[in-house]
C-alpha atoms as a PDB file:
ATOM      1  CA  MET A   1     -41.056  25.373 -24.894  1.00  0.00           C
ATOM      2  CA  ILE A   2     -38.231  27.820 -24.704  1.00  0.00           C
ATOM      3  CA  ARG A   3     -36.268  27.008 -21.187  1.00  0.00           C
ATOM      4  CA  THR A   4     -34.931  31.002 -20.149  1.00  0.00           C
ATOM      5  CA  THR A   5     -32.700  29.197 -17.204  1.00  0.00           C
ATOM      6  CA  ALA A   6     -30.752  26.928 -19.247  1.00  0.00           C
ATOM      7  CA  VAL A   7     -26.784  26.260 -18.390  1.00  0.00           C
ATOM      8  CA  PRO A   8     -24.748  28.198 -20.627  1.00  0.00           C
ATOM      9  CA  ARG A   9     -22.972  25.942 -23.213  1.00  0.00           C
ATOM     10  CA  PRO A  10     -19.167  26.093 -21.559  1.00  0.00           C
ATOM     11  CA  ALA A  11     -20.591  25.046 -18.337  1.00  0.00           C
ATOM     12  CA  ARG A  12     -22.438  21.938 -19.769  1.00  0.00           C
ATOM     13  CA  ILE A  13     -18.983  21.299 -21.627  1.00  0.00           C
ATOM     14  CA  GLY A  14     -16.906  21.637 -18.266  1.00  0.00           C
ATOM     15  CA  ALA A  15     -19.231  19.211 -16.430  1.00  0.00           C
ATOM     16  CA  ALA A  16     -18.836  16.677 -19.163  1.00  0.00           C
ATOM     17  CA  LEU A  17     -15.410  16.776 -19.610  1.00  0.00           C
ATOM     18  CA  VAL A  18     -15.361  16.723 -15.364  1.00  0.00           C
ATOM     19  CA  GLY A  19     -17.514  13.605 -15.422  1.00  0.00           C
ATOM     20  CA  VAL A  20     -15.505  11.988 -18.158  1.00  0.00           C
ATOM     21  CA  ALA A  21     -12.366  12.754 -16.272  1.00  0.00           C
ATOM     22  CA  GLY A  22     -13.863  11.129 -12.943  1.00  0.00           C
ATOM     23  CA  ILE A  23     -15.107   7.970 -15.099  1.00  0.00           C
ATOM     24  CA  VAL A  24     -11.479   7.486 -16.507  1.00  0.00           C
ATOM     25  CA  THR A  25     -10.091   7.751 -12.969  1.00  0.00           C
ATOM     26  CA  LEU A  26     -12.825   5.326 -11.805  1.00  0.00           C
ATOM     27  CA  ALA A  27     -12.116   2.747 -14.446  1.00  0.00           C
ATOM     28  CA  GLY A  28      -8.329   2.323 -12.954  1.00  0.00           C
ATOM     29  CA  CYS A  29     -10.331   0.929  -9.655  1.00  0.00           C
ATOM     30  CA  ALA A  30     -12.283  -1.978 -11.643  1.00  0.00           C
ATOM     31  CA  GLY A  31     -11.610  -5.134 -12.527  1.00  0.00           C
ATOM     32  CA  GLY A  32      -9.979  -7.166 -15.555  1.00  0.00           C
ATOM     33  CA  THR A  33      -6.828  -6.562 -17.396  1.00  0.00           C
ATOM     34  CA  THR A  34      -5.135  -2.808 -16.503  1.00  0.00           C
ATOM     35  CA  THR A  35      -1.739  -1.313 -17.713  1.00  0.00           C
ATOM     36  CA  ASP A  36       0.761   0.130 -15.219  1.00  0.00           C
ATOM     37  CA  SER A  37       0.999   3.230 -17.049  1.00  0.00           C
ATOM     38  CA  ALA A  38      -1.726   5.092 -15.259  1.00  0.00           C
ATOM     39  CA  PRO A  39      -1.471   6.260 -12.036  1.00  0.00           C
ATOM     40  CA  ALA A  40      -3.626   4.358  -9.647  1.00  0.00           C
ATOM     41  CA  PRO A  41      -5.879   7.160  -7.776  1.00  0.00           C
ATOM     42  CA  ALA A  42      -4.666   7.971  -3.949  1.00  0.00           C
ATOM     43  CA  ALA A  43      -6.099   5.572  -1.180  1.00  0.00           C
ATOM     44  CA  THR A  44      -7.006   7.004   2.389  1.00  0.00           C
ATOM     45  CA  THR A  45      -5.889   4.632   4.620  1.00  0.00           C
ATOM     46  CA  ALA A  46      -6.666   4.045   8.321  1.00  0.00           C
ATOM     47  CA  PRO A  47      -4.231   3.818  11.583  1.00  0.00           C
ATOM     48  CA  SER A  48      -1.789   0.829  11.450  1.00  0.00           C
ATOM     49  CA  SER A  49      -1.987  -1.253  14.451  1.00  0.00           C
ATOM     50  CA  SER A  50       1.200  -2.990  15.341  1.00  0.00           C
ATOM     51  CA  THR A  51       0.894  -6.913  16.350  1.00  0.00           C
ATOM     52  CA  GLY A  52       4.783  -7.651  17.374  1.00  0.00           C
ATOM     53  CA  THR A  53       6.136  -7.618  20.349  1.00  0.00           C
ATOM     54  CA  GLY A  54       9.252  -6.257  18.893  1.00  0.00           C
ATOM     55  CA  ALA A  55      12.547  -7.961  17.761  1.00  0.00           C
ATOM     56  CA  THR A  56      12.473 -11.524  18.060  1.00  0.00           C
ATOM     57  CA  GLY A  57      15.498 -13.997  17.035  1.00  0.00           C
ATOM     58  CA  THR A  58      19.010 -14.205  17.915  1.00  0.00           C
ATOM     59  CA  ASP A  59      19.580 -10.685  18.330  1.00  0.00           C
ATOM     60  CA  SER A  60      16.377 -10.010  20.251  1.00  0.00           C
ATOM     61  CA  GLY A  61      16.745  -6.350  19.672  1.00  0.00           C
ATOM     62  CA  SER A  62      20.564  -5.630  19.770  1.00  0.00           C
ATOM     63  CA  SER A  63      21.589  -3.585  16.798  1.00  0.00           C
ATOM     64  CA  SER A  64      25.147  -5.220  15.736  1.00  0.00           C
ATOM     65  CA  GLY A  65      25.818  -2.696  13.318  1.00  0.00           C
ATOM     66  CA  GLY A  66      25.057   0.442  14.784  1.00  0.00           C
ATOM     67  CA  GLY A  67      22.487   1.704  12.541  1.00  0.00           C
ATOM     68  CA  ALA A  68      19.373   3.446  13.597  1.00  0.00           C
ATOM     69  CA  TYR A  69      16.960   0.244  13.881  1.00  0.00           C
ATOM     70  CA  ALA A  70      17.465  -2.704  16.324  1.00  0.00           C
ATOM     71  CA  ASP A  71      18.074  -6.425  14.078  1.00  0.00           C
ATOM     72  CA  GLY A  72      15.419  -8.899  14.354  1.00  0.00           C
ATOM     73  CA  THR A  73      11.913  -9.427  12.758  1.00  0.00           C
ATOM     74  CA  TYR A  74       9.199  -7.412  13.538  1.00  0.00           C
ATOM     75  CA  SER A  75       5.113  -7.694  12.580  1.00  0.00           C
ATOM     76  CA  ALA A  76       2.514  -4.790  11.976  1.00  0.00           C
ATOM     77  CA  SER A  77      -0.484  -4.362  10.426  1.00  0.00           C
ATOM     78  CA  GLY A  78      -1.754  -1.951   7.557  1.00  0.00           C
ATOM     79  CA  GLN A  79      -4.852  -0.916   6.346  1.00  0.00           C
ATOM     80  CA  TYR A  80      -6.235   0.743   3.289  1.00  0.00           C
ATOM     81  CA  ALA A  81      -9.239   1.293   1.425  1.00  0.00           C
ATOM     82  CA  THR A  82     -10.791  -0.084  -2.018  1.00  0.00           C
ATOM     83  CA  PRO A  83     -14.228   1.054  -3.399  1.00  0.00           C
ATOM     84  CA  GLU A  84     -15.514  -1.974  -1.823  1.00  0.00           C
ATOM     85  CA  SER A  85     -14.211  -2.266   2.090  1.00  0.00           C
ATOM     86  CA  VAL A  86     -11.209  -1.808   3.958  1.00  0.00           C
ATOM     87  CA  GLU A  87      -8.533  -4.037   3.302  1.00  0.00           C
ATOM     88  CA  THR A  88      -5.926  -5.534   5.779  1.00  0.00           C
ATOM     89  CA  ILE A  89      -2.470  -7.289   5.572  1.00  0.00           C
ATOM     90  CA  GLU A  90       0.268  -8.332   7.897  1.00  0.00           C
ATOM     91  CA  VAL A  91       3.598  -7.420   7.019  1.00  0.00           C
ATOM     92  CA  THR A  92       6.871  -9.163   8.600  1.00  0.00           C
ATOM     93  CA  LEU A  93      10.391  -8.130   8.308  1.00  0.00           C
ATOM     94  CA  THR A  94      13.693  -9.235   9.008  1.00  0.00           C
ATOM     95  CA  LEU A  95      16.379  -6.344   9.652  1.00  0.00           C
ATOM     96  CA  ALA A  96      19.849  -6.975   9.615  1.00  0.00           C
ATOM     97  CA  ASP A  97      22.150  -3.480   9.715  1.00  0.00           C
ATOM     98  CA  ASP A  98      18.799  -1.669   8.793  1.00  0.00           C
ATOM     99  CA  VAL A  99      18.607  -3.882   5.601  1.00  0.00           C
ATOM    100  CA  ILE A 100      15.741  -6.005   4.987  1.00  0.00           C
ATOM    101  CA  THR A 101      16.676  -9.367   4.533  1.00  0.00           C
ATOM    102  CA  ASP A 102      13.354 -10.968   4.477  1.00  0.00           C
ATOM    103  CA  VAL A 103       9.636  -9.904   3.794  1.00  0.00           C
ATOM    104  CA  GLU A 104       6.475 -11.929   4.520  1.00  0.00           C
ATOM    105  CA  VAL A 105       2.940 -10.214   3.707  1.00  0.00           C
ATOM    106  CA  THR A 106      -0.241 -12.004   4.317  1.00  0.00           C
ATOM    107  CA  GLY A 107      -3.825 -10.614   3.607  1.00  0.00           C
ATOM    108  CA  ASP A 108      -7.150 -11.060   4.476  1.00  0.00           C
ATOM    109  CA  PRO A 109      -9.272 -10.091   1.616  1.00  0.00           C
ATOM    110  CA  GLN A 110     -13.002  -8.947   1.766  1.00  0.00           C
ATOM    111  CA  ALA A 111     -13.799  -8.753  -1.662  1.00  0.00           C
ATOM    112  CA  ARG A 112     -12.850 -11.231  -4.472  1.00  0.00           C
ATOM    113  CA  GLU A 113     -11.276  -8.262  -6.513  1.00  0.00           C
ATOM    114  CA  SER A 114      -9.272  -7.320  -3.539  1.00  0.00           C
ATOM    115  CA  GLN A 115      -7.754 -11.048  -3.166  1.00  0.00           C
ATOM    116  CA  GLU A 116      -6.154 -10.937  -6.690  1.00  0.00           C
ATOM    117  CA  TYR A 117      -4.724  -7.727  -6.006  1.00  0.00           C
ATOM    118  CA  GLN A 118      -3.360  -8.763  -2.836  1.00  0.00           C
ATOM    119  CA  SER A 119      -2.449 -12.247  -4.569  1.00  0.00           C
ATOM    120  CA  ARG A 120      -0.156 -10.169  -7.162  1.00  0.00           C
ATOM    121  CA  PHE A 121       1.158  -7.750  -4.416  1.00  0.00           C
ATOM    122  CA  ILE A 122       2.508 -10.787  -2.103  1.00  0.00           C
ATOM    123  CA  GLY A 123       3.971 -12.361  -5.608  1.00  0.00           C
ATOM    124  CA  GLY A 124       5.956  -9.257  -6.451  1.00  0.00           C
ATOM    125  CA  ILE A 125       6.778  -7.456  -2.768  1.00  0.00           C
ATOM    126  CA  GLN A 126       9.989  -9.898  -2.379  1.00  0.00           C
ATOM    127  CA  ASP A 127      12.117  -8.178  -5.426  1.00  0.00           C
ATOM    128  CA  GLU A 128      10.994  -4.808  -4.445  1.00  0.00           C
ATOM    129  CA  VAL A 129      12.313  -4.528  -0.712  1.00  0.00           C
ATOM    130  CA  VAL A 130      14.798  -7.860  -0.037  1.00  0.00           C
ATOM    131  CA  GLY A 131      18.381  -6.008   0.096  1.00  0.00           C
ATOM    132  CA  LYS A 132      17.407  -2.463   0.700  1.00  0.00           C
ATOM    133  CA  SER A 133      17.694  -0.138   3.420  1.00  0.00           C
ATOM    134  CA  ILE A 134      14.176   0.184   5.778  1.00  0.00           C
ATOM    135  CA  ASP A 135      14.430   3.864   5.137  1.00  0.00           C
ATOM    136  CA  ASP A 136      14.944   3.491   1.095  1.00  0.00           C
ATOM    137  CA  ILE A 137      11.706   1.857   0.930  1.00  0.00           C
ATOM    138  CA  SER A 138       8.185   3.465  -0.147  1.00  0.00           C
ATOM    139  CA  VAL A 139       6.707   1.099  -2.793  1.00  0.00           C
ATOM    140  CA  SER A 140       3.606   2.712  -4.950  1.00  0.00           C
ATOM    141  CA  ARG A 141       2.844  -0.331  -7.608  1.00  0.00           C
ATOM    142  CA  VAL A 142       3.908  -3.691  -7.262  1.00  0.00           C
ATOM    143  CA  ALA A 143       2.821  -6.481  -9.916  1.00  0.00           C
ATOM    144  CA  GLY A 144      -0.474  -4.096 -10.894  1.00  0.00           C
ATOM    145  CA  SER A 145      -1.394  -3.544  -7.361  1.00  0.00           C
ATOM    146  CA  SER A 146      -1.352  -0.044  -6.171  1.00  0.00           C
ATOM    147  CA  LEU A 147      -3.822   0.248  -2.720  1.00  0.00           C
ATOM    148  CA  THR A 148      -2.057  -2.573  -1.309  1.00  0.00           C
ATOM    149  CA  SER A 149       1.099  -0.793  -1.457  1.00  0.00           C
ATOM    150  CA  GLY A 150      -0.566   2.071   1.225  1.00  0.00           C
ATOM    151  CA  GLY A 151      -1.243  -0.526   3.699  1.00  0.00           C
ATOM    152  CA  PHE A 152       2.418  -2.234   3.046  1.00  0.00           C
ATOM    153  CA  ASN A 153       3.717   1.189   3.742  1.00  0.00           C
ATOM    154  CA  GLN A 154       1.935   1.884   6.820  1.00  0.00           C
ATOM    155  CA  ALA A 155       2.914  -1.221   8.409  1.00  0.00           C
ATOM    156  CA  VAL A 156       6.429  -0.372   7.356  1.00  0.00           C
ATOM    157  CA  ASP A 157       6.018   2.847   9.015  1.00  0.00           C
ATOM    158  CA  ALA A 158       4.738   0.871  12.084  1.00  0.00           C
ATOM    159  CA  ILE A 159       7.672  -1.655  12.007  1.00  0.00           C
ATOM    160  CA  LYS A 160      10.561   1.860  11.722  1.00  0.00           C
ATOM    161  CA  ALA A 161       8.712   2.929  15.073  1.00  0.00           C
ATOM    162  CA  ASP A 162       9.200  -0.682  16.671  1.00  0.00           C
ATOM    163  CA  ALA A 163      12.527  -1.070  15.869  1.00  0.00           C
ATOM    164  CA  ALA A 164      14.073   1.964  16.099  1.00  0.00           C
ATOM    165  CA  ALA A 165      17.364   1.375  18.287  1.00  0.00           C
END
């Protein structure tokens, strides 16, 4: 039987290429061994909720260096979407003269794969941000984890708002 409504060959080839590109993009989300050379797909993030009450510690909100942010320790939550779930991380930063002097990230992974990536992120984030100005940080991939970075950056934005002097 001859089909008179067949899709033209160029359209079929284009659709096949789009499908292959989609599979390659999604392969970056799969578990297992990955390389850091391919960019991660964009993730949507949910609004953050600040869980801190502002500065704590000896300076308790006073700015000692005349910077844009009050010295102290601040906490906020950040969320990011994975193919399986929406994950939340808690970020605690200590600021002195607008410079991050300490960082702590805790996660509550909902999926096994998220646990692996959050663990990698937590192990590598200190080297990325400690000693840098809070205005100069925006992480994209830390220790092979790219989606967790979205939640971290969201929490940092909330901390900036809390710490604004």
